[in-house]
């Protein structure tokens, strides 16, 4: 299931946003897919006609391109986001 979107986001727009995310995080190695999909979700949420109340279902199985590794902590963080409190075992 994807967020409603009245317009298609181009790869160039996603790439530019992913680069900005990567740069703002100190240019870490090995997180390009994560940055790409975070940029894609951000842009989809900003698109005209996007549902501002849309929340992606939690869990690795619901992601378009899940990360190659996924720990119990990752799962709990994903389920608690965007709550301000970290999960109990953090």
Protein backbone atom coordinates (compact mmCIF):
# COMPACT_ATOMS: atom_id res chain seq x y z
CA UNK A 1 0.00 0.00 0.00
CA UNK A 2 1.40 3.40 -0.92
CA UNK A 3 0.48 6.91 0.09
CA UNK A 4 -2.03 8.62 -2.17
CA UNK A 5 -0.23 10.89 -4.60
CA UNK A 6 -1.74 13.11 -7.31
CA UNK A 7 1.58 13.53 -9.14
CA UNK A 8 4.53 11.26 -9.86
CA UNK A 9 7.83 12.15 -8.23
CA UNK A 10 10.76 11.96 -10.65
CA UNK A 11 13.92 10.01 -9.94
CA UNK A 12 15.88 13.27 -10.09
CA UNK A 13 13.74 14.76 -7.31
CA UNK A 14 14.11 11.64 -5.18
CA UNK A 15 17.85 11.56 -5.82
CA UNK A 16 18.28 15.21 -4.83
CA UNK A 17 16.31 14.69 -1.60
CA UNK A 18 18.19 11.47 -0.79
CA UNK A 19 21.49 13.30 -1.31
CA UNK A 20 20.36 16.06 1.06
CA UNK A 21 19.40 13.48 3.70
CA UNK A 22 22.73 11.67 3.27
CA UNK A 23 24.65 14.94 3.50
CA UNK A 24 22.74 16.11 6.60
CA UNK A 25 23.56 12.83 8.36
CA UNK A 26 27.30 13.25 7.85
CA UNK A 27 27.55 11.19 4.63
CA UNK A 28 27.43 7.70 6.18
CA UNK A 29 28.38 4.69 4.05
CA UNK A 30 25.99 1.88 3.17
CA UNK A 31 22.66 3.59 3.78
CA UNK A 32 21.84 4.69 0.23
CA UNK A 33 18.69 2.55 -0.05
CA UNK A 34 17.39 3.83 3.28
CA UNK A 35 17.98 7.44 2.21
CA UNK A 36 16.36 6.81 -1.20
CA UNK A 37 13.15 5.42 0.29
CA UNK A 38 13.00 8.01 3.07
CA UNK A 39 13.30 10.72 0.39
CA UNK A 40 10.60 9.01 -1.69
CA UNK A 41 8.23 8.89 1.32
CA UNK A 42 8.95 12.52 2.23
CA UNK A 43 8.26 13.73 -1.29
CA UNK A 44 5.08 11.65 -1.52
CA UNK A 45 3.87 13.29 1.68
CA UNK A 46 4.54 16.76 0.27
CA UNK A 47 2.81 16.15 -3.07
CA UNK A 48 -0.42 18.00 -3.87
CA UNK A 49 -3.34 15.78 -3.00
CA UNK A 50 -1.32 13.60 -0.61
CA UNK A 51 -3.17 12.48 2.49
CA UNK A 52 -1.49 14.31 5.41
CA UNK A 53 -2.88 11.69 7.80
CA UNK A 54 -1.29 8.75 5.96
CA UNK A 55 1.00 6.63 8.09
CA UNK A 56 2.96 3.74 6.57
CA UNK A 57 2.11 0.49 8.34
CA UNK A 58 4.88 -0.58 10.69
CA UNK A 59 7.16 -3.48 10.00
CA UNK A 60 9.76 -4.65 7.55
CA UNK A 61 7.27 -6.65 5.49
CA UNK A 62 5.29 -3.52 4.56
CA UNK A 63 8.30 -1.63 3.14
CA UNK A 64 8.88 -1.33 -0.61
CA UNK A 65 12.58 -2.11 -0.18
CA UNK A 66 13.25 -3.34 3.37
CA UNK A 67 16.73 -3.05 4.86
CA UNK A 68 18.94 -6.14 4.52
CA UNK A 69 19.20 -6.48 8.30
CA UNK A 70 16.38 -5.92 10.76
CA UNK A 71 16.78 -6.38 14.52
CA UNK A 72 14.23 -6.45 17.32
CA UNK A 73 15.27 -2.88 18.20
CA UNK A 74 14.70 -1.78 14.59
CA UNK A 75 11.21 -3.30 14.71
CA UNK A 76 10.37 -1.57 17.97
CA UNK A 77 11.67 1.78 16.72
CA UNK A 78 9.63 1.43 13.55
CA UNK A 79 6.49 0.60 15.50
CA UNK A 80 6.94 3.52 17.91
CA UNK A 81 7.79 6.18 15.31
CA UNK A 82 6.88 9.07 15.36
CA UNK A 83 6.38 8.86 19.11
CA UNK A 84 8.82 10.95 21.11
CA UNK A 85 9.75 8.14 23.48
CA UNK A 86 12.22 5.41 22.50
CA UNK A 87 11.14 1.78 22.86
CA UNK A 88 11.46 0.21 26.29
CA UNK A 89 14.60 -1.78 25.54
CA UNK A 90 16.53 1.12 24.01
